[in-house]
Amino acid sequence: MMRHLCVAACLMVAAFPMAAQEAPKPGAARVLKDIEFVWVPAGRHTPGTPGGGAAVAETLGGREEWFSDESPRPEVSVKGFWMSRTEIRRRDWVRVMNTEPWVGAGAEGGMDLPATGITWSEAGLFAQTLGQGEEGVYRLPTEDEWEYACRAGGAGLFPFETDPEQLSNHAWFRGNAPGGRIQPVGGRRPNAWGLMDMLGNAWEWCADAYLPQTEGALADVRVIKGGAANQTGLMTRPAVRVGRPADMRGARVGFRIIFEPAP
């Protein structure tokens, strides 16, 4: 009798497999390796500015050709991932890498400032080192992942609809950062998914090569996103994309990372 019950139970499990583990709710938080991460849900995203450069110029001023690099690109599908709530801090960098690359990079302040003065490859090495012994992958976000996370479900010029007056509440930029200096992370309001400092404070390295590149450009140019404490509001938008040499050490260029759990 017991044997028949066991067989029946096995057949039921085979016929009705257990449901896949539910994804966390958007903005759910967890701490990994002493860094706070929030969940960015899966979804679809059209990179670039709706309406292209003409929409930016009409709404915020400037000339349309300044924003030609922001034309909408094909829609992409983005998988869910964990993203560090803020830019990686100096204290995070020192704990993992035991160096202080920002010394002499023009930035002064405490250990809660963004870690800047770091090259693109060094940012990737930080993620790789952090992930040693972990089941899963730490890495830089792609440009599409970064912009999708920054918008947090929005599609306008800014994540908070189209009101540029709200920028001061969400970002350190030229309009509110004293002397255009970077500030301790987490000092402005989060976006709808709980991410902070996605706009302003420090530019952030993305994994992607910057394309298209102009004739004669350096061979290895990477995308930075988000604007910085010394930038105008015009440059502090999700769709703004800038290319910089991968070996550049910028006083206002930092990064954040994402974590992909093992399947």
C-alpha atoms as a PDB file:
ATOM      1  CA  MET A   1       0.000   0.000   0.000  1.00  0.00           C
ATOM      2  CA  MET A   2       2.731   2.456   0.996  1.00  0.00           C
ATOM      3  CA  ARG A   3       4.603   1.624  -2.200  1.00  0.00           C
ATOM      4  CA  HIS A   4       1.552   2.541  -4.302  1.00  0.00           C
ATOM      5  CA  LEU A   5       1.136   5.818  -2.420  1.00  0.00           C
ATOM      6  CA  CYS A   6       4.777   6.751  -3.050  1.00  0.00           C
ATOM      7  CA  VAL A   7       4.451   5.975  -6.760  1.00  0.00           C
ATOM      8  CA  ALA A   8       1.274   8.065  -6.957  1.00  0.00           C
ATOM      9  CA  ALA A   9       2.967  10.975  -5.181  1.00  0.00           C
ATOM     10  CA  CYS A  10       5.924  10.846  -7.571  1.00  0.00           C
ATOM     11  CA  LEU A  11       3.594  10.855 -10.560  1.00  0.00           C
ATOM     12  CA  MET A  12       1.776  13.910  -9.190  1.00  0.00           C
ATOM     13  CA  VAL A  13       5.057  15.804  -8.717  1.00  0.00           C
ATOM     14  CA  ALA A  14       6.056  14.963 -12.283  1.00  0.00           C
ATOM     15  CA  ALA A  15       2.705  16.111 -13.627  1.00  0.00           C
ATOM     16  CA  PHE A  16       2.605  19.280 -11.540  1.00  0.00           C
ATOM     17  CA  PRO A  17       6.182  20.528 -11.051  1.00  0.00           C
ATOM     18  CA  MET A  18       6.816  23.092  -8.338  1.00  0.00           C
ATOM     19  CA  ALA A  19       6.336  26.687  -9.472  1.00  0.00           C
ATOM     20  CA  ALA A  20       9.485  28.673 -10.148  1.00  0.00           C
ATOM     21  CA  GLN A  21      10.586  30.885  -7.299  1.00  0.00           C
ATOM     22  CA  GLU A  22       8.735  34.175  -7.399  1.00  0.00           C
ATOM     23  CA  ALA A  23      10.768  37.217  -8.411  1.00  0.00           C
ATOM     24  CA  PRO A  24      11.237  39.864  -5.709  1.00  0.00           C
ATOM     25  CA  LYS A  25       9.018  42.936  -5.804  1.00  0.00           C
ATOM     26  CA  PRO A  26      10.427  46.018  -7.612  1.00  0.00           C
ATOM     27  CA  GLY A  27      12.672  47.896  -5.206  1.00  0.00           C
ATOM     28  CA  ALA A  28      13.038  44.996  -2.754  1.00  0.00           C
ATOM     29  CA  ALA A  29      16.311  45.411  -0.857  1.00  0.00           C
ATOM     30  CA  ARG A  30      19.042  43.019   0.224  1.00  0.00           C
ATOM     31  CA  VAL A  31      22.617  43.389   1.453  1.00  0.00           C
ATOM     32  CA  LEU A  32      25.337  41.482  -0.388  1.00  0.00           C
ATOM     33  CA  LYS A  33      28.990  41.716   0.587  1.00  0.00           C
ATOM     34  CA  ASP A  34      28.148  44.736   2.809  1.00  0.00           C
ATOM     35  CA  ILE A  35      26.650  46.632  -0.151  1.00  0.00           C
ATOM     36  CA  GLU A  36      22.926  47.355  -0.365  1.00  0.00           C
ATOM     37  CA  PHE A  37      21.214  46.212  -3.563  1.00  0.00           C
ATOM     38  CA  VAL A  38      17.664  46.718  -4.828  1.00  0.00           C
ATOM     39  CA  TRP A  39      15.695  44.574  -7.251  1.00  0.00           C
ATOM     40  CA  VAL A  40      15.159  45.907 -10.773  1.00  0.00           C
ATOM     41  CA  PRO A  41      12.294  43.918 -12.320  1.00  0.00           C
ATOM     42  CA  ALA A  42      12.330  42.403 -15.790  1.00  0.00           C
ATOM     43  CA  GLY A  43      10.637  44.408 -18.512  1.00  0.00           C
ATOM     44  CA  ARG A  44      10.840  45.997 -21.938  1.00  0.00           C
ATOM     45  CA  HIS A  45      12.512  49.298 -22.660  1.00  0.00           C
ATOM     46  CA  THR A  46      13.069  51.662 -25.581  1.00  0.00           C
ATOM     47  CA  PRO A  47      16.460  53.343 -25.042  1.00  0.00           C
ATOM     48  CA  GLY A  48      16.893  56.982 -25.985  1.00  0.00           C
ATOM     49  CA  THR A  49      14.747  60.094 -25.744  1.00  0.00           C
ATOM     50  CA  PRO A  50      11.141  59.904 -26.951  1.00  0.00           C
ATOM     51  CA  GLY A  51      10.952  62.342 -29.846  1.00  0.00           C
ATOM     52  CA  GLY A  52      14.745  62.463 -30.151  1.00  0.00           C
ATOM     53  CA  GLY A  53      16.838  65.618 -30.021  1.00  0.00           C
ATOM     54  CA  ALA A  54      13.956  67.782 -31.204  1.00  0.00           C
ATOM     55  CA  ALA A  55      11.965  66.954 -28.053  1.00  0.00           C
ATOM     56  CA  VAL A  56      14.896  67.840 -25.799  1.00  0.00           C
ATOM     57  CA  ALA A  57      15.577  71.138 -27.564  1.00  0.00           C
ATOM     58  CA  GLU A  58      11.918  72.120 -27.541  1.00  0.00           C
ATOM     59  CA  THR A  59      11.414  71.334 -23.853  1.00  0.00           C
ATOM     60  CA  LEU A  60      14.745  72.236 -22.269  1.00  0.00           C
ATOM     61  CA  GLY A  61      16.471  74.459 -24.819  1.00  0.00           C
ATOM     62  CA  GLY A  62      19.643  73.963 -26.798  1.00  0.00           C
ATOM     63  CA  ARG A  63      20.062  72.843 -30.385  1.00  0.00           C
ATOM     64  CA  GLU A  64      18.615  69.647 -31.773  1.00  0.00           C
ATOM     65  CA  GLU A  65      21.941  68.423 -33.172  1.00  0.00           C
ATOM     66  CA  TRP A  66      23.437  68.461 -29.679  1.00  0.00           C
ATOM     67  CA  PHE A  67      21.203  65.532 -28.802  1.00  0.00           C
ATOM     68  CA  SER A  68      21.372  63.485 -32.005  1.00  0.00           C
ATOM     69  CA  ASP A  69      22.949  60.608 -30.051  1.00  0.00           C
ATOM     70  CA  GLU A  70      19.745  60.251 -28.040  1.00  0.00           C
ATOM     71  CA  SER A  71      17.437  59.179 -30.867  1.00  0.00           C
ATOM     72  CA  PRO A  72      15.235  56.248 -29.805  1.00  0.00           C
ATOM     73  CA  ARG A  73      16.755  52.836 -30.506  1.00  0.00           C
ATOM     74  CA  PRO A  74      14.985  49.482 -30.951  1.00  0.00           C
ATOM     75  CA  GLU A  75      13.071  48.167 -27.956  1.00  0.00           C
ATOM     76  CA  VAL A  76      15.001  45.724 -25.791  1.00  0.00           C
ATOM     77  CA  SER A  77      13.986  43.080 -23.270  1.00  0.00           C
ATOM     78  CA  VAL A  78      15.699  43.410 -19.894  1.00  0.00           C
ATOM     79  CA  LYS A  79      15.992  40.566 -17.398  1.00  0.00           C
ATOM     80  CA  GLY A  80      15.542  41.292 -13.705  1.00  0.00           C
ATOM     81  CA  PHE A  81      18.689  41.938 -11.657  1.00  0.00           C
ATOM     82  CA  TRP A  82      19.977  43.339  -8.376  1.00  0.00           C
ATOM     83  CA  MET A  83      21.626  46.772  -8.644  1.00  0.00           C
ATOM     84  CA  SER A  84      23.624  48.581  -5.975  1.00  0.00           C
ATOM     85  CA  ARG A  85      21.349  51.205  -4.462  1.00  0.00           C
ATOM     86  CA  THR A  86      24.009  53.902  -4.772  1.00  0.00           C
ATOM     87  CA  GLU A  87      27.279  54.426  -6.541  1.00  0.00           C
ATOM     88  CA  ILE A  88      30.051  52.302  -5.059  1.00  0.00           C
ATOM     89  CA  ARG A  89      31.476  54.238  -2.131  1.00  0.00           C
ATOM     90  CA  ARG A  90      35.097  54.864  -1.281  1.00  0.00           C
ATOM     91  CA  ARG A  91      34.733  52.639   1.782  1.00  0.00           C
ATOM     92  CA  ASP A  92      33.504  49.788  -0.439  1.00  0.00           C
ATOM     93  CA  TRP A  93      36.444  50.215  -2.772  1.00  0.00           C
ATOM     94  CA  VAL A  94      39.070  50.292  -0.013  1.00  0.00           C
ATOM     95  CA  ARG A  95      37.577  47.220   1.673  1.00  0.00           C
ATOM     96  CA  VAL A  96      37.715  45.176  -1.543  1.00  0.00           C
ATOM     97  CA  MET A  97      40.709  46.604  -3.426  1.00  0.00           C
ATOM     98  CA  ASN A  98      42.830  48.160  -0.653  1.00  0.00           C
ATOM     99  CA  THR A  99      43.795  51.156  -2.819  1.00  0.00           C
ATOM    100  CA  GLU A 100      42.750  54.826  -2.993  1.00  0.00           C
ATOM    101  CA  PRO A 101      42.789  55.768  -6.695  1.00  0.00           C
ATOM    102  CA  TRP A 102      40.938  59.038  -6.077  1.00  0.00           C
ATOM    103  CA  VAL A 103      43.964  60.567  -4.342  1.00  0.00           C
ATOM    104  CA  GLY A 104      45.150  63.304  -6.694  1.00  0.00           C
ATOM    105  CA  ALA A 105      42.030  62.961  -8.831  1.00  0.00           C
ATOM    106  CA  GLY A 106      40.643  66.277  -7.636  1.00  0.00           C
ATOM    107  CA  ALA A 107      38.148  64.929  -5.086  1.00  0.00           C
ATOM    108  CA  GLU A 108      38.237  65.396  -1.322  1.00  0.00           C
ATOM    109  CA  GLY A 109      35.876  64.267   1.408  1.00  0.00           C
ATOM    110  CA  GLY A 110      34.778  61.304   3.464  1.00  0.00           C
ATOM    111  CA  MET A 111      34.533  57.603   2.756  1.00  0.00           C
ATOM    112  CA  ASP A 112      30.858  57.827   1.790  1.00  0.00           C
ATOM    113  CA  LEU A 113      31.691  59.789  -1.350  1.00  0.00           C
ATOM    114  CA  PRO A 114      31.469  57.861  -4.629  1.00  0.00           C
ATOM    115  CA  ALA A 115      34.671  56.012  -5.490  1.00  0.00           C
ATOM    116  CA  THR A 116      36.037  58.021  -8.423  1.00  0.00           C
ATOM    117  CA  GLY A 117      39.311  58.302 -10.313  1.00  0.00           C
ATOM    118  CA  ILE A 118      38.771  54.691 -11.379  1.00  0.00           C
ATOM    119  CA  THR A 119      39.231  53.377 -14.913  1.00  0.00           C
ATOM    120  CA  TRP A 120      36.652  51.245 -16.679  1.00  0.00           C
ATOM    121  CA  SER A 121      38.721  48.070 -16.341  1.00  0.00           C
ATOM    122  CA  GLU A 122      39.372  48.735 -12.647  1.00  0.00           C
ATOM    123  CA  ALA A 123      35.630  49.091 -12.060  1.00  0.00           C
ATOM    124  CA  GLY A 124      35.130  45.704 -13.710  1.00  0.00           C
ATOM    125  CA  LEU A 125      37.940  44.219 -11.614  1.00  0.00           C
ATOM    126  CA  PHE A 126      36.229  45.463  -8.449  1.00  0.00           C
ATOM    127  CA  ALA A 127      33.065  43.593  -9.416  1.00  0.00           C
ATOM    128  CA  GLN A 128      35.036  40.453 -10.268  1.00  0.00           C
ATOM    129  CA  THR A 129      36.986  40.578  -7.001  1.00  0.00           C
ATOM    130  CA  LEU A 130      33.840  41.191  -4.966  1.00  0.00           C
ATOM    131  CA  GLY A 131      32.232  38.126  -6.508  1.00  0.00           C
ATOM    132  CA  GLN A 132      35.002  35.653  -5.732  1.00  0.00           C
ATOM    133  CA  GLY A 133      33.486  32.577  -4.126  1.00  0.00           C
ATOM    134  CA  GLU A 134      29.935  33.740  -4.872  1.00  0.00           C
ATOM    135  CA  GLU A 135      27.341  31.757  -6.805  1.00  0.00           C
ATOM    136  CA  GLY A 136      26.356  34.435  -9.268  1.00  0.00           C
ATOM    137  CA  VAL A 137      27.966  37.262 -11.212  1.00  0.00           C
ATOM    138  CA  TYR A 138      28.830  40.809 -10.173  1.00  0.00           C
ATOM    139  CA  ARG A 139      29.469  43.140 -13.110  1.00  0.00           C
ATOM    140  CA  LEU A 140      28.981  46.588 -14.596  1.00  0.00           C
ATOM    141  CA  PRO A 141      25.522  47.232 -16.048  1.00  0.00           C
ATOM    142  CA  THR A 142      25.067  47.514 -19.780  1.00  0.00           C
ATOM    143  CA  GLU A 143      23.914  50.891 -21.065  1.00  0.00           C
ATOM    144  CA  ASP A 144      20.419  49.512 -21.701  1.00  0.00           C
ATOM    145  CA  GLU A 145      20.214  48.049 -18.188  1.00  0.00           C
ATOM    146  CA  TRP A 146      21.450  51.294 -16.673  1.00  0.00           C
ATOM    147  CA  GLU A 147      18.948  53.499 -18.512  1.00  0.00           C
ATOM    148  CA  TYR A 148      16.085  51.088 -17.825  1.00  0.00           C
ATOM    149  CA  ALA A 149      16.909  51.099 -14.100  1.00  0.00           C
ATOM    150  CA  CYS A 150      17.284  54.878 -14.039  1.00  0.00           C
ATOM    151  CA  ARG A 151      13.879  55.436 -15.636  1.00  0.00           C
ATOM    152  CA  ALA A 152      12.205  52.967 -13.247  1.00  0.00           C
ATOM    153  CA  GLY A 153       9.235  52.513 -15.540  1.00  0.00           C
ATOM    154  CA  GLY A 154       9.101  56.100 -16.797  1.00  0.00           C
ATOM    155  CA  ALA A 155       9.540  57.187 -20.401  1.00  0.00           C
ATOM    156  CA  GLY A 156       9.917  60.982 -20.288  1.00  0.00           C
ATOM    157  CA  LEU A 157      12.945  63.259 -20.349  1.00  0.00           C
ATOM    158  CA  PHE A 158      13.342  62.602 -16.613  1.00  0.00           C
ATOM    159  CA  PRO A 159      12.306  59.630 -14.451  1.00  0.00           C
ATOM    160  CA  PHE A 160       9.913  61.953 -12.593  1.00  0.00           C
ATOM    161  CA  GLU A 161       7.736  62.880 -15.585  1.00  0.00           C
ATOM    162  CA  THR A 162       8.959  66.008 -17.422  1.00  0.00           C
ATOM    163  CA  ASP A 163       9.277  68.508 -14.576  1.00  0.00           C
ATOM    164  CA  PRO A 164      12.930  69.647 -14.507  1.00  0.00           C
ATOM    165  CA  GLU A 165      12.243  71.476 -11.243  1.00  0.00           C
ATOM    166  CA  GLN A 166      12.238  68.107  -9.473  1.00  0.00           C
ATOM    167  CA  LEU A 167      15.828  67.407 -10.483  1.00  0.00           C
ATOM    168  CA  SER A 168      17.178  69.110  -7.342  1.00  0.00           C
ATOM    169  CA  ASN A 169      15.241  66.634  -5.219  1.00  0.00           C
ATOM    170  CA  HIS A 170      16.753  63.613  -6.962  1.00  0.00           C
ATOM    171  CA  ALA A 171      20.262  64.592  -8.069  1.00  0.00           C
ATOM    172  CA  TRP A 172      23.395  66.517  -7.180  1.00  0.00           C
ATOM    173  CA  PHE A 173      24.180  68.686 -10.204  1.00  0.00           C
ATOM    174  CA  ARG A 174      25.380  72.193 -10.985  1.00  0.00           C
ATOM    175  CA  GLY A 175      22.133  73.661  -9.699  1.00  0.00           C
ATOM    176  CA  ASN A 176      22.602  72.469  -6.103  1.00  0.00           C
ATOM    177  CA  ALA A 177      26.030  70.842  -5.544  1.00  0.00           C
ATOM    178  CA  PRO A 178      28.339  73.328  -3.752  1.00  0.00           C
ATOM    179  CA  GLY A 179      31.210  74.155  -6.082  1.00  0.00           C
ATOM    180  CA  GLY A 180      30.180  71.319  -8.391  1.00  0.00           C
ATOM    181  CA  ARG A 181      31.811  68.861  -5.967  1.00  0.00           C
ATOM    182  CA  ILE A 182      30.685  65.255  -5.554  1.00  0.00           C
ATOM    183  CA  GLN A 183      28.677  64.560  -2.400  1.00  0.00           C
ATOM    184  CA  PRO A 184      28.202  61.569  -0.067  1.00  0.00           C
ATOM    185  CA  VAL A 185      25.974  58.974  -1.730  1.00  0.00           C
ATOM    186  CA  GLY A 186      22.306  58.665  -0.851  1.00  0.00           C
ATOM    187  CA  GLY A 187      21.694  62.343  -0.125  1.00  0.00           C
ATOM    188  CA  ARG A 188      18.879  62.837  -2.646  1.00  0.00           C
ATOM    189  CA  ARG A 189      15.510  61.133  -3.114  1.00  0.00           C
ATOM    190  CA  PRO A 190      15.377  57.648  -4.688  1.00  0.00           C
ATOM    191  CA  ASN A 191      13.616  56.817  -7.924  1.00  0.00           C
ATOM    192  CA  ALA A 192      10.504  54.629  -8.042  1.00  0.00           C
ATOM    193  CA  TRP A 193      12.592  51.455  -7.608  1.00  0.00           C
ATOM    194  CA  GLY A 194      14.637  52.765  -4.692  1.00  0.00           C
ATOM    195  CA  LEU A 195      17.836  53.568  -6.611  1.00  0.00           C
ATOM    196  CA  MET A 196      19.697  56.704  -5.536  1.00  0.00           C
ATOM    197  CA  ASP A 197      22.127  59.015  -7.349  1.00  0.00           C
ATOM    198  CA  MET A 198      21.388  57.476 -10.732  1.00  0.00           C
ATOM    199  CA  LEU A 199      21.381  61.060 -11.961  1.00  0.00           C
ATOM    200  CA  GLY A 200      24.097  63.499 -10.949  1.00  0.00           C
ATOM    201  CA  ASN A 201      26.901  63.282  -8.374  1.00  0.00           C
ATOM    202  CA  ALA A 202      29.285  61.119 -10.450  1.00  0.00           C
ATOM    203  CA  TRP A 203      29.133  59.791 -13.994  1.00  0.00           C
ATOM    204  CA  GLU A 204      28.896  55.993 -14.030  1.00  0.00           C
ATOM    205  CA  TRP A 205      30.784  53.545 -16.217  1.00  0.00           C
ATOM    206  CA  CYS A 206      28.702  51.105 -18.267  1.00  0.00           C
ATOM    207  CA  ALA A 207      29.949  47.863 -19.784  1.00  0.00           C
ATOM    208  CA  ASP A 208      29.349  48.915 -23.398  1.00  0.00           C
ATOM    209  CA  ALA A 209      31.700  50.341 -25.972  1.00  0.00           C
ATOM    210  CA  TYR A 210      30.573  53.792 -27.086  1.00  0.00           C
ATOM    211  CA  LEU A 211      29.151  53.553 -30.608  1.00  0.00           C
ATOM    212  CA  PRO A 212      29.158  55.140 -33.092  1.00  0.00           C
ATOM    213  CA  GLN A 213      32.662  56.460 -32.702  1.00  0.00           C
ATOM    214  CA  THR A 214      33.939  59.354 -34.793  1.00  0.00           C
ATOM    215  CA  GLU A 215      36.716  58.798 -37.302  1.00  0.00           C
ATOM    216  CA  GLY A 216      40.058  58.806 -35.557  1.00  0.00           C
ATOM    217  CA  ALA A 217      38.552  58.164 -32.108  1.00  0.00           C
ATOM    218  CA  LEU A 218      40.466  56.135 -29.546  1.00  0.00           C
ATOM    219  CA  ALA A 219      40.120  52.394 -29.981  1.00  0.00           C
ATOM    220  CA  ASP A 220      38.563  51.710 -26.576  1.00  0.00           C
ATOM    221  CA  VAL A 221      35.895  54.254 -25.657  1.00  0.00           C
ATOM    222  CA  ARG A 222      33.237  53.300 -23.123  1.00  0.00           C
ATOM    223  CA  VAL A 223      29.854  54.727 -22.187  1.00  0.00           C
ATOM    224  CA  ILE A 224      29.356  56.826 -19.068  1.00  0.00           C
ATOM    225  CA  LYS A 225      25.859  57.766 -17.932  1.00  0.00           C
ATOM    226  CA  GLY A 226      23.985  59.930 -15.461  1.00  0.00           C
ATOM    227  CA  GLY A 227      25.726  63.291 -15.371  1.00  0.00           C
ATOM    228  CA  ALA A 228      27.735  64.682 -12.473  1.00  0.00           C
ATOM    229  CA  ALA A 229      27.776  67.318  -9.756  1.00  0.00           C
ATOM    230  CA  ASN A 230      29.288  69.919 -12.086  1.00  0.00           C
ATOM    231  CA  GLN A 231      26.904  69.312 -15.004  1.00  0.00           C
ATOM    232  CA  THR A 232      23.819  71.290 -15.991  1.00  0.00           C
ATOM    233  CA  GLY A 233      20.348  69.806 -15.777  1.00  0.00           C
ATOM    234  CA  LEU A 234      20.442  69.438 -19.547  1.00  0.00           C
ATOM    235  CA  MET A 235      23.154  66.785 -19.156  1.00  0.00           C
ATOM    236  CA  THR A 236      21.566  65.126 -16.133  1.00  0.00           C
ATOM    237  CA  ARG A 237      18.977  62.931 -17.855  1.00  0.00           C
ATOM    238  CA  PRO A 238      18.611  59.153 -18.366  1.00  0.00           C
ATOM    239  CA  ALA A 239      19.147  59.202 -22.149  1.00  0.00           C
ATOM    240  CA  VAL A 240      22.322  61.314 -22.151  1.00  0.00           C
ATOM    241  CA  ARG A 241      25.217  59.173 -23.360  1.00  0.00           C
ATOM    242  CA  VAL A 242      28.861  60.190 -23.325  1.00  0.00           C
ATOM    243  CA  GLY A 243      31.931  58.275 -24.481  1.00  0.00           C
ATOM    244  CA  ARG A 244      35.236  58.388 -22.618  1.00  0.00           C
ATOM    245  CA  PRO A 245      38.515  56.462 -23.009  1.00  0.00           C
ATOM    246  CA  ALA A 246      38.414  53.299 -20.920  1.00  0.00           C
ATOM    247  CA  ASP A 247      41.706  54.223 -19.241  1.00  0.00           C
ATOM    248  CA  MET A 248      40.479  57.671 -18.148  1.00  0.00           C
ATOM    249  CA  ARG A 249      40.569  58.564 -14.453  1.00  0.00           C
ATOM    250  CA  GLY A 250      37.878  61.155 -13.879  1.00  0.00           C
ATOM    251  CA  ALA A 251      37.450  63.067 -10.623  1.00  0.00           C
ATOM    252  CA  ARG A 252      33.686  62.796 -11.174  1.00  0.00           C
ATOM    253  CA  VAL A 253      33.482  59.362 -12.804  1.00  0.00           C
ATOM    254  CA  GLY A 254      32.492  56.404 -10.647  1.00  0.00           C
ATOM    255  CA  PHE A 255      30.303  53.329 -11.089  1.00  0.00           C
ATOM    256  CA  ARG A 256      27.718  51.012  -9.605  1.00  0.00           C
ATOM    257  CA  ILE A 257      27.346  47.286 -10.105  1.00  0.00           C
ATOM    258  CA  ILE A 258      24.676  44.673 -10.619  1.00  0.00           C
ATOM    259  CA  PHE A 259      24.402  41.132  -9.293  1.00  0.00           C
ATOM    260  CA  GLU A 260      22.946  38.259 -11.297  1.00  0.00           C
ATOM    261  CA  PRO A 261      22.158  35.242  -9.108  1.00  0.00           C
ATOM    262  CA  ALA A 262      23.165  31.827 -10.398  1.00  0.00           C
ATOM    263  CA  PRO A 263      20.330  30.095 -12.308  1.00  0.00           C
END
